[in-house]
Amino acid sequence: SQIWLEPGEEMTVEDLMKAVGIVSANDASVALAEYIAGSHEEFVKLMNKR
């Protein structure tokens, strides 16, 4: 599912986490990953780091 984020739209981390946790919003998950690591690819690298 999605919450239909628009490019450049701003939301709080709290609201993005709610979207991920409540409606499993994939676009919110990507936005959080990009916020944390700069890109989806870098987030995957961080997740795979041991």
PDB file of N, CA and C in Angstrom:
ATOM      1  N   SER A   1       0.836  -1.182   0.000  1.00  0.00           N
ATOM      2  CA  SER A   1       0.000   0.000   0.000  1.00  0.00           C
ATOM      3  C   SER A   1       0.881   1.244   0.000  1.00  0.00           C
ATOM      4  N   GLN A   2       0.271   2.377  -0.206  1.00  0.00           N
ATOM      5  CA  GLN A   2       0.990   3.646  -0.278  1.00  0.00           C
ATOM      6  C   GLN A   2       0.191   4.750   0.399  1.00  0.00           C
ATOM      7  N   ILE A   3       0.903   5.810   0.749  1.00  0.00           N
ATOM      8  CA  ILE A   3       0.214   7.016   1.217  1.00  0.00           C
ATOM      9  C   ILE A   3       0.338   8.127   0.175  1.00  0.00           C
ATOM     10  N   TRP A   4       0.871   7.788  -0.973  1.00  0.00           N
ATOM     11  CA  TRP A   4       0.970   8.671  -2.127  1.00  0.00           C
ATOM     12  C   TRP A   4       1.761   9.938  -1.844  1.00  0.00           C
ATOM     13  N   LEU A   5       2.986   9.744  -1.345  1.00  0.00           N
ATOM     14  CA  LEU A   5       3.884  10.868  -1.130  1.00  0.00           C
ATOM     15  C   LEU A   5       4.257  11.498  -2.470  1.00  0.00           C
ATOM     16  N   GLU A   6       4.327  12.810  -2.496  1.00  0.00           N
ATOM     17  CA  GLU A   6       4.733  13.552  -3.681  1.00  0.00           C
ATOM     18  C   GLU A   6       6.212  13.911  -3.550  1.00  0.00           C
ATOM     19  N   PRO A   7       6.959  13.987  -4.652  1.00  0.00           N
ATOM     20  CA  PRO A   7       8.360  14.406  -4.579  1.00  0.00           C
ATOM     21  C   PRO A   7       8.485  15.758  -3.875  1.00  0.00           C
ATOM     22  N   GLY A   8       9.377  15.817  -2.912  1.00  0.00           N
ATOM     23  CA  GLY A   8       9.586  17.051  -2.161  1.00  0.00           C
ATOM     24  C   GLY A   8       8.641  17.268  -0.997  1.00  0.00           C
ATOM     25  N   GLU A   9       7.652  16.402  -0.860  1.00  0.00           N
ATOM     26  CA  GLU A   9       6.703  16.533   0.256  1.00  0.00           C
ATOM     27  C   GLU A   9       7.439  16.270   1.560  1.00  0.00           C
ATOM     28  N   GLU A  10       7.107  17.025   2.581  1.00  0.00           N
ATOM     29  CA  GLU A  10       7.746  16.867   3.882  1.00  0.00           C
ATOM     30  C   GLU A  10       6.758  16.298   4.889  1.00  0.00           C
ATOM     31  N   MET A  11       7.248  15.312   5.652  1.00  0.00           N
ATOM     32  CA  MET A  11       6.471  14.706   6.736  1.00  0.00           C
ATOM     33  C   MET A  11       7.412  14.466   7.893  1.00  0.00           C
ATOM     34  N   THR A  12       6.874  14.392   9.082  1.00  0.00           N
ATOM     35  CA  THR A  12       7.716  14.083  10.233  1.00  0.00           C
ATOM     36  C   THR A  12       8.076  12.590  10.213  1.00  0.00           C
ATOM     37  N   VAL A  13       9.181  12.276  10.859  1.00  0.00           N
ATOM     38  CA  VAL A  13       9.570  10.870  10.984  1.00  0.00           C
ATOM     39  C   VAL A  13       8.469  10.111  11.712  1.00  0.00           C
ATOM     40  N   GLU A  14       7.869  10.734  12.714  1.00  0.00           N
ATOM     41  CA  GLU A  14       6.786  10.090  13.461  1.00  0.00           C
ATOM     42  C   GLU A  14       5.628   9.712  12.538  1.00  0.00           C
ATOM     43  N   ASP A  15       5.226  10.632  11.664  1.00  0.00           N
ATOM     44  CA  ASP A  15       4.116  10.346  10.750  1.00  0.00           C
ATOM     45  C   ASP A  15       4.492   9.263   9.741  1.00  0.00           C
ATOM     46  N   LEU A  16       5.751   9.287   9.272  1.00  0.00           N
ATOM     47  CA  LEU A  16       6.188   8.234   8.347  1.00  0.00           C
ATOM     48  C   LEU A  16       6.185   6.872   9.045  1.00  0.00           C
ATOM     49  N   MET A  17       6.641   6.835  10.295  1.00  0.00           N
ATOM     50  CA  MET A  17       6.645   5.572  11.037  1.00  0.00           C
ATOM     51  C   MET A  17       5.221   5.055  11.247  1.00  0.00           C
ATOM     52  N   LYS A  18       4.295   5.947  11.523  1.00  0.00           N
ATOM     53  CA  LYS A  18       2.897   5.541  11.655  1.00  0.00           C
ATOM     54  C   LYS A  18       2.384   4.960  10.345  1.00  0.00           C
ATOM     55  N   ALA A  19       2.734   5.586   9.225  1.00  0.00           N
ATOM     56  CA  ALA A  19       2.292   5.100   7.919  1.00  0.00           C
ATOM     57  C   ALA A  19       2.859   3.710   7.644  1.00  0.00           C
ATOM     58  N   VAL A  20       4.111   3.499   8.017  1.00  0.00           N
ATOM     59  CA  VAL A  20       4.730   2.185   7.812  1.00  0.00           C
ATOM     60  C   VAL A  20       4.064   1.150   8.727  1.00  0.00           C
ATOM     61  N   GLY A  21       3.884   1.509   9.984  1.00  0.00           N
ATOM     62  CA  GLY A  21       3.362   0.555  10.956  1.00  0.00           C
ATOM     63  C   GLY A  21       1.879   0.258  10.825  1.00  0.00           C
ATOM     64  N   ILE A  22       1.103   1.246  10.457  1.00  0.00           N
ATOM     65  CA  ILE A  22      -0.347   1.072  10.424  1.00  0.00           C
ATOM     66  C   ILE A  22      -0.844   0.572   9.069  1.00  0.00           C
ATOM     67  N   VAL A  23      -0.355   1.183   7.991  1.00  0.00           N
ATOM     68  CA  VAL A  23      -0.874   0.798   6.669  1.00  0.00           C
ATOM     69  C   VAL A  23       0.172   0.137   5.778  1.00  0.00           C
ATOM     70  N   SER A  24       1.359  -0.168   6.360  1.00  0.00           N
ATOM     71  CA  SER A  24       2.449  -0.786   5.586  1.00  0.00           C
ATOM     72  C   SER A  24       2.765  -0.013   4.315  1.00  0.00           C
ATOM     73  N   ALA A  25       2.862   1.302   4.439  1.00  0.00           N
ATOM     74  CA  ALA A  25       3.077   2.174   3.284  1.00  0.00           C
ATOM     75  C   ALA A  25       4.500   2.029   2.752  1.00  0.00           C
ATOM     76  N   ASN A  26       4.613   1.446   1.576  1.00  0.00           N
ATOM     77  CA  ASN A  26       5.922   1.234   0.968  1.00  0.00           C
ATOM     78  C   ASN A  26       6.629   2.546   0.654  1.00  0.00           C
ATOM     79  N   ASP A  27       5.910   3.546   0.199  1.00  0.00           N
ATOM     80  CA  ASP A  27       6.552   4.820  -0.126  1.00  0.00           C
ATOM     81  C   ASP A  27       7.097   5.500   1.134  1.00  0.00           C
ATOM     82  N   ALA A  28       6.432   5.318   2.257  1.00  0.00           N
ATOM     83  CA  ALA A  28       6.935   5.863   3.513  1.00  0.00           C
ATOM     84  C   ALA A  28       8.201   5.126   3.939  1.00  0.00           C
ATOM     85  N   SER A  29       8.254   3.824   3.707  1.00  0.00           N
ATOM     86  CA  SER A  29       9.450   3.049   4.016  1.00  0.00           C
ATOM     87  C   SER A  29      10.641   3.523   3.197  1.00  0.00           C
ATOM     88  N   VAL A  30      10.420   3.781   1.921  1.00  0.00           N
ATOM     89  CA  VAL A  30      11.491   4.277   1.051  1.00  0.00           C
ATOM     90  C   VAL A  30      11.933   5.670   1.510  1.00  0.00           C
ATOM     91  N   ALA A  31      10.987   6.522   1.861  1.00  0.00           N
ATOM     92  CA  ALA A  31      11.326   7.871   2.330  1.00  0.00           C
ATOM     93  C   ALA A  31      12.181   7.802   3.592  1.00  0.00           C
ATOM     94  N   LEU A  32      11.845   6.915   4.514  1.00  0.00           N
ATOM     95  CA  LEU A  32      12.650   6.751   5.732  1.00  0.00           C
ATOM     96  C   LEU A  32      14.047   6.230   5.400  1.00  0.00           C
ATOM     97  N   ALA A  33      14.129   5.266   4.500  1.00  0.00           N
ATOM     98  CA  ALA A  33      15.434   4.722   4.101  1.00  0.00           C
ATOM     99  C   ALA A  33      16.303   5.815   3.499  1.00  0.00           C
ATOM    100  N   GLU A  34      15.715   6.640   2.638  1.00  0.00           N
ATOM    101  CA  GLU A  34      16.467   7.723   2.014  1.00  0.00           C
ATOM    102  C   GLU A  34      16.881   8.775   3.039  1.00  0.00           C
ATOM    103  N   TYR A  35      16.043   9.019   4.024  1.00  0.00           N
ATOM    104  CA  TYR A  35      16.366   9.973   5.085  1.00  0.00           C
ATOM    105  C   TYR A  35      17.529   9.453   5.927  1.00  0.00           C
ATOM    106  N   ILE A  36      17.500   8.175   6.255  1.00  0.00           N
ATOM    107  CA  ILE A  36      18.522   7.580   7.124  1.00  0.00           C
ATOM    108  C   ILE A  36      19.858   7.437   6.411  1.00  0.00           C
ATOM    109  N   ALA A  37      19.832   6.932   5.176  1.00  0.00           N
ATOM    110  CA  ALA A  37      21.085   6.567   4.515  1.00  0.00           C
ATOM    111  C   ALA A  37      21.393   7.380   3.258  1.00  0.00           C
ATOM    112  N   GLY A  38      20.494   8.226   2.825  1.00  0.00           N
ATOM    113  CA  GLY A  38      20.746   9.026   1.637  1.00  0.00           C
ATOM    114  C   GLY A  38      20.170   8.431   0.371  1.00  0.00           C
ATOM    115  N   SER A  39      20.030   7.112   0.338  1.00  0.00           N
ATOM    116  CA  SER A  39      19.430   6.451  -0.825  1.00  0.00           C
ATOM    117  C   SER A  39      18.965   5.060  -0.402  1.00  0.00           C
ATOM    118  N   HIS A  40      18.103   4.509  -1.220  1.00  0.00           N
ATOM    119  CA  HIS A  40      17.606   3.161  -0.966  1.00  0.00           C
ATOM    120  C   HIS A  40      18.764   2.164  -0.980  1.00  0.00           C
ATOM    121  N   GLU A  41      19.666   2.317  -1.948  1.00  0.00           N
ATOM    122  CA  GLU A  41      20.787   1.399  -2.096  1.00  0.00           C
ATOM    123  C   GLU A  41      21.717   1.447  -0.892  1.00  0.00           C
ATOM    124  N   GLU A  42      22.002   2.658  -0.387  1.00  0.00           N
ATOM    125  CA  GLU A  42      22.868   2.789   0.782  1.00  0.00           C
ATOM    126  C   GLU A  42      22.188   2.223   2.027  1.00  0.00           C
ATOM    127  N   PHE A  43      20.872   2.356   2.109  1.00  0.00           N
ATOM    128  CA  PHE A  43      20.151   1.776   3.241  1.00  0.00           C
ATOM    129  C   PHE A  43      20.272   0.255   3.234  1.00  0.00           C
ATOM    130  N   VAL A  44      20.175  -0.349   2.069  1.00  0.00           N
ATOM    131  CA  VAL A  44      20.326  -1.802   1.953  1.00  0.00           C
ATOM    132  C   VAL A  44      21.726  -2.203   2.412  1.00  0.00           C
ATOM    133  N   LYS A  45      22.734  -1.437   2.029  1.00  0.00           N
ATOM    134  CA  LYS A  45      24.101  -1.738   2.472  1.00  0.00           C
ATOM    135  C   LYS A  45      24.207  -1.677   3.994  1.00  0.00           C
ATOM    136  N   LEU A  46      23.587  -0.650   4.593  1.00  0.00           N
ATOM    137  CA  LEU A  46      23.598  -0.550   6.054  1.00  0.00           C
ATOM    138  C   LEU A  46      22.896  -1.739   6.700  1.00  0.00           C
ATOM    139  N   MET A  47      21.788  -2.146   6.136  1.00  0.00           N
ATOM    140  CA  MET A  47      21.036  -3.276   6.696  1.00  0.00           C
ATOM    141  C   MET A  47      21.812  -4.583   6.589  1.00  0.00           C
ATOM    142  N   ASN A  48      22.607  -4.711   5.533  1.00  0.00           N
ATOM    143  CA  ASN A  48      23.362  -5.944   5.329  1.00  0.00           C
ATOM    144  C   ASN A  48      24.696  -5.951   6.057  1.00  0.00           C
ATOM    145  N   LYS A  49      25.113  -4.803   6.593  1.00  0.00           N
ATOM    146  CA  LYS A  49      26.368  -4.701   7.319  1.00  0.00           C
ATOM    147  C   LYS A  49      26.260  -5.483   8.628  1.00  0.00           C
ATOM    148  N   ARG A  50      27.326  -6.154   8.959  1.00  0.00           N
ATOM    149  CA  ARG A  50      27.308  -6.913  10.229  1.00  0.00           C
ATOM    150  C   ARG A  50      28.357  -6.415  11.166  1.00  0.00           C
TER     151      ARG A  50
END
